[in-house]
All heavy atoms as atom14 arrays in JSON, in Angstrom:
{
  "sequence": "LNLKFMAEVQTTKGLLKEHYFFLAQKIFNDHSASLEDFQSRSVSWAQF",
  "atom14_mask": [
    [1, 1, 1, 1, 1, 1, 1, 1, 0, 0, 0, 0, 0, 0],
    [1, 1, 1, 1, 1, 1, 1, 1, 0, 0, 0, 0, 0, 0],
    [1, 1, 1, 1, 1, 1, 1, 1, 0, 0, 0, 0, 0, 0],
    [1, 1, 1, 1, 1, 1, 1, 1, 1, 0, 0, 0, 0, 0],
    [1, 1, 1, 1, 1, 1, 1, 1, 1, 1, 1, 0, 0, 0],
    [1, 1, 1, 1, 1, 1, 1, 1, 0, 0, 0, 0, 0, 0],
    [1, 1, 1, 1, 1, 0, 0, 0, 0, 0, 0, 0, 0, 0],
    [1, 1, 1, 1, 1, 1, 1, 1, 1, 0, 0, 0, 0, 0],
    [1, 1, 1, 1, 1, 1, 1, 0, 0, 0, 0, 0, 0, 0],
    [1, 1, 1, 1, 1, 1, 1, 1, 1, 0, 0, 0, 0, 0],
    [1, 1, 1, 1, 1, 1, 1, 0, 0, 0, 0, 0, 0, 0],
    [1, 1, 1, 1, 1, 1, 1, 0, 0, 0, 0, 0, 0, 0],
    [1, 1, 1, 1, 1, 1, 1, 1, 1, 0, 0, 0, 0, 0],
    [1, 1, 1, 1, 0, 0, 0, 0, 0, 0, 0, 0, 0, 0],
    [1, 1, 1, 1, 1, 1, 1, 1, 0, 0, 0, 0, 0, 0],
    [1, 1, 1, 1, 1, 1, 1, 1, 0, 0, 0, 0, 0, 0],
    [1, 1, 1, 1, 1, 1, 1, 1, 1, 0, 0, 0, 0, 0],
    [1, 1, 1, 1, 1, 1, 1, 1, 1, 0, 0, 0, 0, 0],
    [1, 1, 1, 1, 1, 1, 1, 1, 1, 1, 0, 0, 0, 0],
    [1, 1, 1, 1, 1, 1, 1, 1, 1, 1, 1, 1, 0, 0],
    [1, 1, 1, 1, 1, 1, 1, 1, 1, 1, 1, 0, 0, 0],
    [1, 1, 1, 1, 1, 1, 1, 1, 1, 1, 1, 0, 0, 0],
    [1, 1, 1, 1, 1, 1, 1, 1, 0, 0, 0, 0, 0, 0],
    [1, 1, 1, 1, 1, 0, 0, 0, 0, 0, 0, 0, 0, 0],
    [1, 1, 1, 1, 1, 1, 1, 1, 1, 0, 0, 0, 0, 0],
    [1, 1, 1, 1, 1, 1, 1, 1, 1, 0, 0, 0, 0, 0],
    [1, 1, 1, 1, 1, 1, 1, 1, 0, 0, 0, 0, 0, 0],
    [1, 1, 1, 1, 1, 1, 1, 1, 1, 1, 1, 0, 0, 0],
    [1, 1, 1, 1, 1, 1, 1, 1, 0, 0, 0, 0, 0, 0],
    [1, 1, 1, 1, 1, 1, 1, 1, 0, 0, 0, 0, 0, 0],
    [1, 1, 1, 1, 1, 1, 1, 1, 1, 1, 0, 0, 0, 0],
    [1, 1, 1, 1, 1, 1, 0, 0, 0, 0, 0, 0, 0, 0],
    [1, 1, 1, 1, 1, 0, 0, 0, 0, 0, 0, 0, 0, 0],
    [1, 1, 1, 1, 1, 1, 0, 0, 0, 0, 0, 0, 0, 0],
    [1, 1, 1, 1, 1, 1, 1, 1, 0, 0, 0, 0, 0, 0],
    [1, 1, 1, 1, 1, 1, 1, 1, 1, 0, 0, 0, 0, 0],
    [1, 1, 1, 1, 1, 1, 1, 1, 0, 0, 0, 0, 0, 0],
    [1, 1, 1, 1, 1, 1, 1, 1, 1, 1, 1, 0, 0, 0],
    [1, 1, 1, 1, 1, 1, 1, 1, 1, 0, 0, 0, 0, 0],
    [1, 1, 1, 1, 1, 1, 0, 0, 0, 0, 0, 0, 0, 0],
    [1, 1, 1, 1, 1, 1, 1, 1, 1, 1, 1, 0, 0, 0],
    [1, 1, 1, 1, 1, 1, 0, 0, 0, 0, 0, 0, 0, 0],
    [1, 1, 1, 1, 1, 1, 1, 0, 0, 0, 0, 0, 0, 0],
    [1, 1, 1, 1, 1, 1, 0, 0, 0, 0, 0, 0, 0, 0],
    [1, 1, 1, 1, 1, 1, 1, 1, 1, 1, 1, 1, 1, 1],
    [1, 1, 1, 1, 1, 0, 0, 0, 0, 0, 0, 0, 0, 0],
    [1, 1, 1, 1, 1, 1, 1, 1, 1, 0, 0, 0, 0, 0],
    [1, 1, 1, 1, 1, 1, 1, 1, 1, 1, 1, 0, 0, 0]
  ],
  "atom14_positions": [
    [[2.63, -2.14, -6.57], [3.45, -2.73, -5.54], [3.21, -4.25, -5.45], [4.16, -5.02, -5.28], [3.19, -2.09, -4.19], [3.59, -0.61, -4.04], [3.18, -0.09, -2.68], [5.09, -0.43, -4.25], [0.0, 0.0, 0.0], [0.0, 0.0, 0.0], [0.0, 0.0, 0.0], [0.0, 0.0, 0.0], [0.0, 0.0, 0.0], [0.0, 0.0, 0.0]],
    [[1.96, -4.65, -5.6], [1.62, -6.06, -5.54], [2.23, -6.84, -6.7], [2.85, -7.89, -6.51], [0.1, -6.23, -5.54], [-0.33, -7.68, -5.37], [0.21, -8.39, -4.52], [-1.24, -8.13, -6.19], [0.0, 0.0, 0.0], [0.0, 0.0, 0.0], [0.0, 0.0, 0.0], [0.0, 0.0, 0.0], [0.0, 0.0, 0.0], [0.0, 0.0, 0.0]],
    [[2.09, -6.31, -7.91], [2.65, -6.96, -9.08], [4.18, -7.04, -8.99], [4.79, -8.05, -9.33], [2.24, -6.22, -10.36], [0.76, -6.35, -10.75], [0.42, -5.4, -11.9], [0.43, -7.79, -11.14], [0.0, 0.0, 0.0], [0.0, 0.0, 0.0], [0.0, 0.0, 0.0], [0.0, 0.0, 0.0], [0.0, 0.0, 0.0], [0.0, 0.0, 0.0]],
    [[4.79, -5.94, -8.53], [6.24, -5.91, -8.38], [6.69, -6.95, -7.34], [7.67, -7.7, -7.56], [6.68, -4.51, -7.93], [8.18, -4.34, -7.73], [8.93, -4.46, -9.01], [10.41, -4.13, -8.83], [11.2, -4.4, -10.05], [0.0, 0.0, 0.0], [0.0, 0.0, 0.0], [0.0, 0.0, 0.0], [0.0, 0.0, 0.0], [0.0, 0.0, 0.0]],
    [[5.99, -7.03, -6.23], [6.34, -7.97, -5.16], [6.26, -9.41, -5.66], [7.18, -10.21, -5.49], [5.4, -7.78, -3.97], [5.83, -8.53, -2.73], [6.63, -7.92, -1.76], [5.46, -9.86, -2.53], [7.05, -8.62, -0.64], [5.87, -10.56, -1.41], [6.66, -9.93, -0.45], [0.0, 0.0, 0.0], [0.0, 0.0, 0.0], [0.0, 0.0, 0.0]],
    [[5.15, -9.75, -6.32], [4.96, -11.13, -6.78], [5.98, -11.5, -7.87], [6.49, -12.63, -7.9], [3.54, -11.31, -7.3], [2.48, -11.23, -6.22], [0.79, -11.23, -6.83], [0.64, -12.93, -7.4], [0.0, 0.0, 0.0], [0.0, 0.0, 0.0], [0.0, 0.0, 0.0], [0.0, 0.0, 0.0], [0.0, 0.0, 0.0], [0.0, 0.0, 0.0]],
    [[6.29, -10.54, -8.73], [7.26, -10.82, -9.8], [8.67, -10.97, -9.25], [9.4, -11.91, -9.65], [7.21, -9.69, -10.83], [0.0, 0.0, 0.0], [0.0, 0.0, 0.0], [0.0, 0.0, 0.0], [0.0, 0.0, 0.0], [0.0, 0.0, 0.0], [0.0, 0.0, 0.0], [0.0, 0.0, 0.0], [0.0, 0.0, 0.0], [0.0, 0.0, 0.0]],
    [[9.07, -10.09, -8.34], [10.43, -10.15, -7.79], [10.65, -11.38, -6.93], [11.66, -12.06, -7.04], [10.7, -8.9, -6.95], [11.01, -7.65, -7.75], [12.4, -7.62, -8.33], [13.35, -8.13, -7.69], [12.56, -7.11, -9.46], [0.0, 0.0, 0.0], [0.0, 0.0, 0.0], [0.0, 0.0, 0.0], [0.0, 0.0, 0.0], [0.0, 0.0, 0.0]],
    [[9.67, -11.67, -6.06], [9.81, -12.8, -5.13], [9.52, -14.12, -5.83], [9.93, -15.17, -5.38], [8.88, -12.58, -3.91], [8.95, -13.74, -2.94], [9.25, -11.26, -3.19], [0.0, 0.0, 0.0], [0.0, 0.0, 0.0], [0.0, 0.0, 0.0], [0.0, 0.0, 0.0], [0.0, 0.0, 0.0], [0.0, 0.0, 0.0], [0.0, 0.0, 0.0]],
    [[8.84, -14.05, -6.98], [8.42, -15.26, -7.7], [7.47, -16.1, -6.84], [7.72, -17.27, -6.56], [9.65, -16.08, -8.13], [10.5, -15.42, -9.21], [9.8, -15.4, -10.57], [9.62, -16.41, -11.21], [9.39, -14.21, -10.99], [0.0, 0.0, 0.0], [0.0, 0.0, 0.0], [0.0, 0.0, 0.0], [0.0, 0.0, 0.0], [0.0, 0.0, 0.0]],
    [[6.4, -15.46, -6.41], [5.41, -16.12, -5.58], [4.01, -15.83, -6.13], [3.8, -14.83, -6.82], [5.48, -15.6, -4.12], [4.48, -16.26, -3.33], [5.26, -14.09, -4.05], [0.0, 0.0, 0.0], [0.0, 0.0, 0.0], [0.0, 0.0, 0.0], [0.0, 0.0, 0.0], [0.0, 0.0, 0.0], [0.0, 0.0, 0.0], [0.0, 0.0, 0.0]],
    [[3.07, -16.74, -5.84], [1.69, -16.52, -6.22], [0.89, -15.87, -5.11], [-0.29, -15.54, -5.29], [1.0, -17.86, -6.6], [1.1, -18.74, -5.47], [1.69, -18.51, -7.79], [0.0, 0.0, 0.0], [0.0, 0.0, 0.0], [0.0, 0.0, 0.0], [0.0, 0.0, 0.0], [0.0, 0.0, 0.0], [0.0, 0.0, 0.0], [0.0, 0.0, 0.0]],
    [[1.54, -15.69, -3.95], [0.86, -15.1, -2.79], [1.16, -13.6, -2.74], [2.26, -13.2, -2.37], [1.32, -15.79, -1.5], [1.01, -17.29, -1.46], [-0.48, -17.58, -1.46], [-0.78, -19.05, -1.64], [-0.29, -19.9, -0.57], [0.0, 0.0, 0.0], [0.0, 0.0, 0.0], [0.0, 0.0, 0.0], [0.0, 0.0, 0.0], [0.0, 0.0, 0.0]],
    [[0.17, -12.82, -3.13], [0.37, -11.38, -3.19], [0.05, -10.68, -1.89], [-0.17, -11.29, -0.84], [0.0, 0.0, 0.0], [0.0, 0.0, 0.0], [0.0, 0.0, 0.0], [0.0, 0.0, 0.0], [0.0, 0.0, 0.0], [0.0, 0.0, 0.0], [0.0, 0.0, 0.0], [0.0, 0.0, 0.0], [0.0, 0.0, 0.0], [0.0, 0.0, 0.0]],
    [[0.03, -9.35, -1.96], [-0.27, -8.53, -0.78], [-1.77, -8.57, -0.48], [-2.59, -8.67, -1.4], [0.18, -7.08, -1.02], [1.66, -6.9, -1.4], [1.95, -5.41, -1.57], [2.57, -7.5, -0.36], [0.0, 0.0, 0.0], [0.0, 0.0, 0.0], [0.0, 0.0, 0.0], [0.0, 0.0, 0.0], [0.0, 0.0, 0.0], [0.0, 0.0, 0.0]],
    [[-2.11, -8.47, 0.8], [-3.49, -8.52, 1.25], [-3.96, -7.12, 1.63], [-3.18, -6.18, 1.77], [-3.6, -9.45, 2.46], [-3.08, -10.89, 2.23], [-3.13, -11.67, 3.54], [-3.9, -11.6, 1.15], [0.0, 0.0, 0.0], [0.0, 0.0, 0.0], [0.0, 0.0, 0.0], [0.0, 0.0, 0.0], [0.0, 0.0, 0.0], [0.0, 0.0, 0.0]],
    [[-5.28, -7.01, 1.85], [-5.88, -5.7, 2.18], [-5.23, -5.08, 3.42], [-4.95, -3.87, 3.44], [-7.38, -5.91, 2.43], [-8.16, -4.61, 2.53], [-9.65, -4.87, 2.79], [-10.32, -5.49, 1.58], [-11.78, -5.64, 1.79], [0.0, 0.0, 0.0], [0.0, 0.0, 0.0], [0.0, 0.0, 0.0], [0.0, 0.0, 0.0], [0.0, 0.0, 0.0]],
    [[-4.94, -5.91, 4.43], [-4.33, -5.37, 5.63], [-2.89, -4.9, 5.39], [-2.4, -4.0, 6.06], [-4.36, -6.37, 6.79], [-3.83, -7.76, 6.44], [-4.94, -8.73, 6.01], [-5.9, -8.28, 5.36], [-4.81, -9.92, 6.36], [0.0, 0.0, 0.0], [0.0, 0.0, 0.0], [0.0, 0.0, 0.0], [0.0, 0.0, 0.0], [0.0, 0.0, 0.0]],
    [[-2.21, -5.52, 4.4], [-0.87, -5.08, 4.04], [-0.93, -3.68, 3.4], [-0.11, -2.82, 3.71], [-0.23, -6.05, 3.04], [0.01, -7.43, 3.61], [-0.05, -8.57, 2.84], [0.27, -7.85, 4.87], [0.19, -9.62, 3.58], [0.4, -9.2, 4.82], [0.0, 0.0, 0.0], [0.0, 0.0, 0.0], [0.0, 0.0, 0.0], [0.0, 0.0, 0.0]],
    [[-1.9, -3.49, 2.52], [-2.07, -2.18, 1.88], [-2.37, -1.1, 2.91], [-1.9, 0.05, 2.78], [-3.22, -2.21, 0.86], [-2.98, -3.1, -0.34], [-3.98, -3.94, -0.81], [-1.75, -3.12, -0.99], [-3.78, -4.76, -1.91], [-1.53, -3.93, -2.09], [-2.54, -4.74, -2.55], [-2.34, -5.56, -3.64], [0.0, 0.0, 0.0], [0.0, 0.0, 0.0]],
    [[-3.13, -1.45, 3.92], [-3.48, -0.49, 4.98], [-2.22, -0.02, 5.7], [-2.0, 1.17, 5.92], [-4.46, -1.12, 5.95], [-5.0, -0.17, 7.0], [-5.43, 1.1, 6.66], [-5.1, -0.58, 8.33], [-5.93, 1.97, 7.61], [-5.59, 0.3, 9.29], [-6.01, 1.57, 8.93], [0.0, 0.0, 0.0], [0.0, 0.0, 0.0], [0.0, 0.0, 0.0]],
    [[-1.36, -0.98, 6.05], [-0.1, -0.63, 6.71], [0.78, 0.23, 5.8], [1.37, 1.24, 6.24], [0.66, -1.9, 7.09], [2.1, -1.69, 7.46], [2.45, -1.1, 8.68], [3.11, -2.0, 6.56], [3.79, -0.86, 9.0], [4.45, -1.77, 6.88], [4.78, -1.21, 8.1], [0.0, 0.0, 0.0], [0.0, 0.0, 0.0], [0.0, 0.0, 0.0]],
    [[0.88, -0.15, 4.51], [1.71, 0.6, 3.56], [1.18, 2.03, 3.38], [1.96, 2.98, 3.24], [1.78, -0.13, 2.23], [2.53, -1.47, 2.26], [2.36, -2.21, 0.93], [4.01, -1.26, 2.55], [0.0, 0.0, 0.0], [0.0, 0.0, 0.0], [0.0, 0.0, 0.0], [0.0, 0.0, 0.0], [0.0, 0.0, 0.0], [0.0, 0.0, 0.0]],
    [[-0.17, 2.17, 3.37], [-0.75, 3.5, 3.26], [-0.41, 4.36, 4.47], [-0.05, 5.53, 4.35], [-2.27, 3.4, 3.1], [0.0, 0.0, 0.0], [0.0, 0.0, 0.0], [0.0, 0.0, 0.0], [0.0, 0.0, 0.0], [0.0, 0.0, 0.0], [0.0, 0.0, 0.0], [0.0, 0.0, 0.0], [0.0, 0.0, 0.0], [0.0, 0.0, 0.0]],
    [[-0.51, 3.79, 5.66], [-0.14, 4.53, 6.87], [1.3, 4.99, 6.8], [1.64, 6.1, 7.23], [-0.36, 3.65, 8.1], [-1.81, 3.36, 8.44], [-1.97, 2.44, 9.62], [-1.2, 1.49, 9.79], [-2.94, 2.72, 10.46], [0.0, 0.0, 0.0], [0.0, 0.0, 0.0], [0.0, 0.0, 0.0], [0.0, 0.0, 0.0], [0.0, 0.0, 0.0]],
    [[2.15, 4.14, 6.23], [3.57, 4.45, 6.15], [3.86, 5.55, 5.15], [4.55, 6.53, 5.45], [4.33, 3.17, 5.77], [5.84, 3.21, 6.03], [6.44, 1.84, 5.79], [7.85, 1.77, 6.3], [7.93, 1.81, 7.78], [0.0, 0.0, 0.0], [0.0, 0.0, 0.0], [0.0, 0.0, 0.0], [0.0, 0.0, 0.0], [0.0, 0.0, 0.0]],
    [[3.33, 5.43, 3.94], [3.67, 6.38, 2.89], [3.01, 7.73, 3.11], [3.57, 8.77, 2.76], [3.31, 5.8, 1.5], [4.13, 6.49, 0.39], [1.82, 5.89, 1.2], [4.08, 5.79, -0.96], [0.0, 0.0, 0.0], [0.0, 0.0, 0.0], [0.0, 0.0, 0.0], [0.0, 0.0, 0.0], [0.0, 0.0, 0.0], [0.0, 0.0, 0.0]],
    [[1.81, 7.75, 3.73], [1.12, 9.01, 3.98], [1.42, 9.56, 5.37], [0.96, 10.66, 5.71], [-0.4, 8.82, 3.83], [-0.85, 8.55, 2.42], [-1.42, 7.33, 2.08], [-0.7, 9.51, 1.42], [-1.85, 7.07, 0.77], [-1.12, 9.27, 0.12], [-1.68, 8.05, -0.22], [0.0, 0.0, 0.0], [0.0, 0.0, 0.0], [0.0, 0.0, 0.0]],
    [[2.12, 8.78, 6.21], [2.39, 9.19, 7.59], [1.1, 9.58, 8.3], [0.99, 10.65, 8.89], [3.4, 10.34, 7.64], [3.85, 10.65, 9.05], [3.9, 9.76, 9.9], [4.16, 11.91, 9.32], [0.0, 0.0, 0.0], [0.0, 0.0, 0.0], [0.0, 0.0, 0.0], [0.0, 0.0, 0.0], [0.0, 0.0, 0.0], [0.0, 0.0, 0.0]],
    [[0.12, 8.7, 8.18], [-1.22, 8.97, 8.74], [-1.72, 7.7, 9.43], [-1.98, 6.7, 8.76], [-2.17, 9.39, 7.63], [-3.54, 9.81, 8.16], [-3.84, 9.54, 9.34], [-4.31, 10.4, 7.38], [0.0, 0.0, 0.0], [0.0, 0.0, 0.0], [0.0, 0.0, 0.0], [0.0, 0.0, 0.0], [0.0, 0.0, 0.0], [0.0, 0.0, 0.0]],
    [[-1.85, 7.76, 10.76], [-2.3, 6.57, 11.51], [-3.73, 6.74, 12.02], [-4.2, 5.93, 12.82], [-1.34, 6.29, 12.66], [0.05, 5.94, 12.2], [0.42, 4.65, 11.89], [1.12, 6.73, 11.95], [1.68, 4.64, 11.51], [2.13, 5.89, 11.51], [0.0, 0.0, 0.0], [0.0, 0.0, 0.0], [0.0, 0.0, 0.0], [0.0, 0.0, 0.0]],
    [[-4.41, 7.8, 11.56], [-5.78, 8.03, 12.02], [-6.82, 7.71, 10.96], [-8.0, 7.53, 11.28], [-5.93, 9.49, 12.47], [-5.67, 10.37, 11.38], [0.0, 0.0, 0.0], [0.0, 0.0, 0.0], [0.0, 0.0, 0.0], [0.0, 0.0, 0.0], [0.0, 0.0, 0.0], [0.0, 0.0, 0.0], [0.0, 0.0, 0.0], [0.0, 0.0, 0.0]],
    [[-6.42, 7.65, 9.69], [-7.36, 7.4, 8.6], [-7.77, 5.93, 8.53], [-7.02, 5.06, 8.97], [-6.76, 7.85, 7.26], [0.0, 0.0, 0.0], [0.0, 0.0, 0.0], [0.0, 0.0, 0.0], [0.0, 0.0, 0.0], [0.0, 0.0, 0.0], [0.0, 0.0, 0.0], [0.0, 0.0, 0.0], [0.0, 0.0, 0.0], [0.0, 0.0, 0.0]],
    [[-8.93, 5.69, 7.96], [-9.41, 4.3, 7.77], [-8.94, 3.78, 6.42], [-8.44, 4.53, 5.57], [-10.95, 4.27, 7.81], [-11.48, 4.94, 6.68], [0.0, 0.0, 0.0], [0.0, 0.0, 0.0], [0.0, 0.0, 0.0], [0.0, 0.0, 0.0], [0.0, 0.0, 0.0], [0.0, 0.0, 0.0], [0.0, 0.0, 0.0], [0.0, 0.0, 0.0]],
    [[-9.13, 2.49, 6.21], [-8.76, 1.87, 4.94], [-9.52, 2.54, 3.8], [-8.95, 2.79, 2.72], [-9.09, 0.37, 4.99], [-8.75, -0.46, 3.77], [-7.25, -0.47, 3.51], [-9.25, -1.91, 3.93], [0.0, 0.0, 0.0], [0.0, 0.0, 0.0], [0.0, 0.0, 0.0], [0.0, 0.0, 0.0], [0.0, 0.0, 0.0], [0.0, 0.0, 0.0]],
    [[-10.78, 2.84, 4.02], [-11.61, 3.49, 2.99], [-11.1, 4.89, 2.68], [-11.14, 5.33, 1.53], [-13.08, 3.54, 3.44], [-13.79, 2.21, 3.51], [-13.29, 1.32, 4.67], [-12.86, 1.89, 5.71], [-13.32, 0.08, 4.5], [0.0, 0.0, 0.0], [0.0, 0.0, 0.0], [0.0, 0.0, 0.0], [0.0, 0.0, 0.0], [0.0, 0.0, 0.0]],
    [[-10.65, 5.6, 3.71], [-10.12, 6.96, 3.49], [-8.94, 6.94, 2.52], [-8.84, 7.8, 1.62], [-9.65, 7.57, 4.83], [-10.79, 7.87, 5.78], [-11.92, 8.05, 5.3], [-10.55, 7.9, 7.0], [0.0, 0.0, 0.0], [0.0, 0.0, 0.0], [0.0, 0.0, 0.0], [0.0, 0.0, 0.0], [0.0, 0.0, 0.0], [0.0, 0.0, 0.0]],
    [[-8.06, 5.97, 2.69], [-6.88, 5.9, 1.85], [-7.22, 5.61, 0.39], [-6.53, 6.05, -0.53], [-5.91, 4.84, 2.36], [-5.18, 5.2, 3.64], [-5.21, 4.36, 4.73], [-4.52, 6.4, 3.74], [-4.53, 4.69, 5.91], [-3.84, 6.76, 4.92], [-3.85, 5.89, 6.0], [0.0, 0.0, 0.0], [0.0, 0.0, 0.0], [0.0, 0.0, 0.0]],
    [[-8.3, 4.86, 0.17], [-8.66, 4.45, -1.17], [-8.98, 5.61, -2.11], [-8.88, 5.51, -3.31], [-9.82, 3.45, -1.14], [-9.43, 2.09, -0.6], [-10.6, 1.15, -0.41], [-11.76, 1.58, -0.41], [-10.33, -0.12, -0.25], [0.0, 0.0, 0.0], [0.0, 0.0, 0.0], [0.0, 0.0, 0.0], [0.0, 0.0, 0.0], [0.0, 0.0, 0.0]],
    [[-9.35, 6.74, -1.52], [-9.7, 7.9, -2.34], [-8.54, 8.87, -2.49], [-8.66, 9.91, -3.14], [-10.89, 8.62, -1.71], [-10.55, 9.1, -0.42], [0.0, 0.0, 0.0], [0.0, 0.0, 0.0], [0.0, 0.0, 0.0], [0.0, 0.0, 0.0], [0.0, 0.0, 0.0], [0.0, 0.0, 0.0], [0.0, 0.0, 0.0], [0.0, 0.0, 0.0]],
    [[-7.4, 8.54, -1.91], [-6.24, 9.46, -1.98], [-5.36, 9.18, -3.18], [-5.42, 8.12, -3.79], [-5.41, 9.34, -0.7], [-6.12, 9.82, 0.54], [-5.15, 9.98, 1.69], [-5.83, 10.21, 2.95], [-5.22, 10.43, 4.11], [-3.89, 10.42, 4.15], [-5.9, 10.62, 5.21], [0.0, 0.0, 0.0], [0.0, 0.0, 0.0], [0.0, 0.0, 0.0]],
    [[-4.5, 10.15, -3.46], [-3.47, 9.95, -4.48], [-2.11, 10.11, -3.81], [-1.96, 10.82, -2.79], [-3.63, 10.95, -5.63], [-3.51, 12.28, -5.16], [0.0, 0.0, 0.0], [0.0, 0.0, 0.0], [0.0, 0.0, 0.0], [0.0, 0.0, 0.0], [0.0, 0.0, 0.0], [0.0, 0.0, 0.0], [0.0, 0.0, 0.0], [0.0, 0.0, 0.0]],
    [[-1.11, 9.44, -4.39], [0.24, 9.46, -3.81], [1.18, 10.11, -4.82], [1.06, 9.92, -6.03], [0.68, 8.03, -3.44], [0.74, 7.12, -4.64], [2.03, 8.05, -2.72], [0.0, 0.0, 0.0], [0.0, 0.0, 0.0], [0.0, 0.0, 0.0], [0.0, 0.0, 0.0], [0.0, 0.0, 0.0], [0.0, 0.0, 0.0], [0.0, 0.0, 0.0]],
    [[2.11, 10.9, -4.32], [3.03, 11.64, -5.21], [4.37, 10.91, -5.35], [4.72, 10.07, -4.51], [3.28, 13.05, -4.65], [4.03, 12.97, -3.44], [0.0, 0.0, 0.0], [0.0, 0.0, 0.0], [0.0, 0.0, 0.0], [0.0, 0.0, 0.0], [0.0, 0.0, 0.0], [0.0, 0.0, 0.0], [0.0, 0.0, 0.0], [0.0, 0.0, 0.0]],
    [[5.09, 11.28, -6.39], [6.44, 10.74, -6.59], [7.32, 11.09, -5.38], [8.12, 10.27, -4.93], [7.04, 11.34, -7.87], [8.53, 11.16, -7.96], [9.49, 12.11, -7.79], [9.22, 9.94, -8.24], [10.74, 11.57, -7.95], [10.62, 10.22, -8.23], [8.82, 8.63, -8.49], [11.59, 9.26, -8.45], [9.79, 7.66, -8.71], [11.16, 7.98, -8.7]],
    [[7.13, 12.29, -4.83], [7.93, 12.71, -3.68], [7.68, 11.78, -2.48], [8.61, 11.36, -1.79], [7.62, 14.15, -3.29], [0.0, 0.0, 0.0], [0.0, 0.0, 0.0], [0.0, 0.0, 0.0], [0.0, 0.0, 0.0], [0.0, 0.0, 0.0], [0.0, 0.0, 0.0], [0.0, 0.0, 0.0], [0.0, 0.0, 0.0], [0.0, 0.0, 0.0]],
    [[6.42, 11.44, -2.22], [6.1, 10.52, -1.12], [6.65, 9.13, -1.39], [7.04, 8.42, -0.46], [4.58, 10.45, -0.94], [3.97, 11.71, -0.34], [2.45, 11.7, -0.43], [1.87, 11.37, -1.46], [1.79, 12.07, 0.66], [0.0, 0.0, 0.0], [0.0, 0.0, 0.0], [0.0, 0.0, 0.0], [0.0, 0.0, 0.0], [0.0, 0.0, 0.0]],
    [[6.7, 8.76, -2.66], [7.17, 7.42, -3.03], [8.67, 7.28, -2.9], [9.17, 6.32, -2.32], [6.74, 7.13, -4.49], [7.16, 5.78, -4.99], [6.67, 4.62, -4.44], [8.07, 5.69, -6.05], [7.03, 3.37, -4.92], [8.46, 4.45, -6.53], [7.94, 3.28, -5.97], [0.0, 0.0, 0.0], [0.0, 0.0, 0.0], [0.0, 0.0, 0.0]]
  ]
}
């Protein structure tokens, strides 16, 4: 997602850790997990 964002927008400013946290909450529909919890998860094509 970061590489796609930077390439499409043509910017050197990529996504930050807090951005990934928000995106994880969104794609997993989980607002109780920590940033570390998400790092060990996998995401499916269906969720994407």
